[in-house]
Amino acid sequence: MLTYLYKILMCCESDLQAVDLLRSIFRSSIKPLLQMISEFIYSGNFNDPFNEFFVEKIFKQGKGKKKGSSNDFIYKLSADSQRIPSFLGANMAMAIFKVGSHVHLLQMVNVRGDSRQSNLHMHKNAVKTMEKIEHIDK
């Protein structure tokens, strides 16, 4: 929807009333996306109740775990290219994905570090997680 609004906004530059209305709609419509991007790049997490964001959470399943019951997850860039607004572009989406994923990784390492794991063990966990992220990225 954002891509559609953006394209219409770019086409209607001569009609000032339409431009004002479309700008207002676009500003209101883009707020949730900007909130998710901001939250993701600053905290390594995001709230996407309607599964519209171009980054997806992949929850790890284990014995006795319910889907979504744990913070034990990794991120994946959505395979659906329609989730990436055209005005954002694939390169910017990839940059946002990498920053948020790395912040998430640092958060995981920090939480696990609080449980007094050795630095070597934390490093190994970080390397394994990065390998999983890069594998999904391909």
Protein backbone atom coordinates (compact mmCIF):
# COMPACT_ATOMS: atom_id res chain seq x y z
CA MET A 1 0.00 0.00 0.00
CA LEU A 2 2.84 2.40 0.81
CA THR A 3 4.42 1.80 -2.57
CA TYR A 4 1.09 2.50 -4.28
CA LEU A 5 0.55 5.73 -2.30
CA TYR A 6 4.10 6.83 -3.04
CA LYS A 7 3.72 6.26 -6.78
CA ILE A 8 0.43 8.17 -6.89
CA LEU A 9 1.96 10.99 -4.87
CA MET A 10 4.81 11.28 -7.38
CA CYS A 11 2.38 11.33 -10.33
CA CYS A 12 -0.01 13.97 -8.99
CA GLU A 13 2.46 16.80 -8.43
CA SER A 14 0.42 19.30 -10.46
CA ASP A 15 -2.81 18.92 -8.45
CA LEU A 16 -1.99 20.71 -5.19
CA GLN A 17 -5.14 19.60 -3.35
CA ALA A 18 -4.52 15.98 -4.24
CA VAL A 19 -0.86 16.27 -3.25
CA ASP A 20 -1.77 17.68 0.18
CA LEU A 21 -4.30 14.93 0.78
CA LEU A 22 -1.95 12.18 -0.43
CA ARG A 23 0.93 13.53 1.68
CA SER A 24 -1.29 13.44 4.75
CA ILE A 25 -2.39 9.87 4.03
CA PHE A 26 1.18 8.80 3.26
CA ARG A 27 2.54 10.35 6.49
CA SER A 28 -0.06 8.55 8.55
CA SER A 29 0.42 5.27 6.69
CA ILE A 30 4.19 5.19 6.95
CA LYS A 31 4.35 5.70 10.73
CA PRO A 32 4.05 1.99 11.63
CA LEU A 33 6.83 1.08 9.17
CA LEU A 34 9.12 3.79 10.51
CA GLN A 35 8.35 2.66 14.06
CA MET A 36 9.30 -0.94 13.23
CA ILE A 37 12.51 0.14 11.47
CA SER A 38 13.49 2.42 14.35
CA GLU A 39 12.74 -0.21 16.98
CA PHE A 40 14.61 -2.87 15.00
CA ILE A 41 17.81 -0.90 14.41
CA TYR A 42 17.99 0.47 17.97
CA SER A 43 16.83 -2.55 20.01
CA GLY A 44 17.26 -5.55 17.70
CA ASN A 45 13.57 -6.35 17.99
CA PHE A 46 10.26 -5.13 16.58
CA ASN A 47 6.52 -5.57 16.99
CA ASP A 48 4.77 -6.62 13.77
CA PRO A 49 1.28 -7.85 14.70
CA PHE A 50 0.09 -7.99 11.07
CA ASN A 51 3.22 -9.57 9.49
CA GLU A 52 3.81 -6.63 7.17
CA PHE A 53 7.47 -5.89 7.92
CA PHE A 54 10.10 -7.02 5.43
CA VAL A 55 12.03 -8.78 8.22
CA GLU A 56 10.63 -11.99 9.69
CA LYS A 57 11.29 -13.68 13.03
CA ILE A 58 12.20 -17.36 12.84
CA PHE A 59 11.53 -18.98 16.23
CA LYS A 60 13.62 -21.92 17.31
CA GLN A 61 11.50 -24.92 18.21
CA GLY A 62 12.56 -27.32 20.88
CA LYS A 63 10.98 -29.92 23.10
CA GLY A 64 8.31 -28.36 25.25
CA LYS A 65 8.56 -24.95 23.56
CA LYS A 66 5.55 -23.27 22.07
CA LYS A 67 5.98 -21.14 18.96
CA GLY A 68 6.61 -17.54 19.97
CA SER A 69 6.93 -18.37 23.66
CA SER A 70 10.65 -17.66 23.74
CA ASN A 71 12.95 -14.84 22.80
CA ASP A 72 15.15 -17.47 21.17
CA PHE A 73 14.83 -16.54 17.50
CA ILE A 74 16.77 -15.25 14.53
CA TYR A 75 15.76 -12.92 11.74
CA LYS A 76 15.29 -13.49 8.04
CA LEU A 77 14.76 -11.01 5.24
CA SER A 78 11.35 -11.78 3.75
CA ALA A 79 11.34 -13.73 0.50
CA ASP A 80 8.30 -11.67 -0.52
CA SER A 81 9.78 -8.67 -2.35
CA GLN A 82 6.37 -6.95 -2.17
CA ARG A 83 6.99 -6.33 1.53
CA ILE A 84 9.84 -3.94 0.69
CA PRO A 85 8.41 -0.55 -0.28
CA SER A 86 9.78 0.59 -3.65
CA PHE A 87 10.90 3.93 -2.24
CA LEU A 88 13.02 2.08 0.31
CA GLY A 89 14.76 -0.25 -2.13
CA ALA A 90 16.40 -3.63 -1.67
CA ASN A 91 19.81 -2.23 -0.69
CA MET A 92 18.39 -0.08 2.11
CA ALA A 93 16.19 -2.97 3.28
CA MET A 94 19.29 -5.20 3.42
CA ALA A 95 21.20 -2.56 5.40
CA ILE A 96 18.33 -2.24 7.89
CA PHE A 97 18.14 -6.03 8.15
CA LYS A 98 21.86 -6.36 8.85
CA VAL A 99 21.94 -3.59 11.46
CA GLY A 100 18.90 -4.94 13.31
CA SER A 101 20.22 -8.52 13.16
CA HIS A 102 23.58 -7.47 14.53
CA VAL A 103 21.99 -5.45 17.33
CA HIS A 104 19.85 -8.51 18.16
CA LEU A 105 22.99 -10.67 18.21
CA LEU A 106 24.73 -8.24 20.55
CA GLN A 107 21.68 -8.28 22.82
CA MET A 108 21.74 -12.09 22.90
CA VAL A 109 25.46 -12.18 23.68
CA ASN A 110 25.00 -9.59 26.43
CA VAL A 111 22.13 -11.50 28.06
CA ARG A 112 24.04 -14.75 27.91
CA GLY A 113 27.14 -12.97 29.21
CA ASP A 114 25.23 -11.95 32.33
CA SER A 115 24.91 -15.63 33.22
CA ARG A 116 28.71 -15.70 33.69
CA GLN A 117 29.65 -17.64 30.60
CA SER A 118 33.28 -17.42 29.59
CA ASN A 119 34.24 -14.95 26.89
CA LEU A 120 35.33 -17.81 24.64
CA HIS A 121 31.95 -19.53 24.97
CA MET A 122 30.13 -16.24 24.23
CA HIS A 123 32.30 -15.75 21.15
CA LYS A 124 31.48 -19.25 19.90
CA ASN A 125 27.75 -18.62 20.39
CA ALA A 126 28.02 -15.32 18.51
CA VAL A 127 29.88 -16.96 15.61
CA LYS A 128 27.28 -19.75 15.38
CA THR A 129 24.43 -17.26 15.37
CA MET A 130 26.10 -15.13 12.70
CA GLU A 131 26.62 -18.23 10.55
CA LYS A 132 22.89 -19.03 10.87
CA ILE A 133 21.96 -15.48 9.91
CA GLU A 134 24.30 -15.52 6.92
CA HIS A 135 23.01 -18.95 5.86
CA ILE A 136 19.40 -17.69 5.89
CA ASP A 137 20.55 -14.54 4.10
CA LYS A 138 21.68 -16.65 1.11
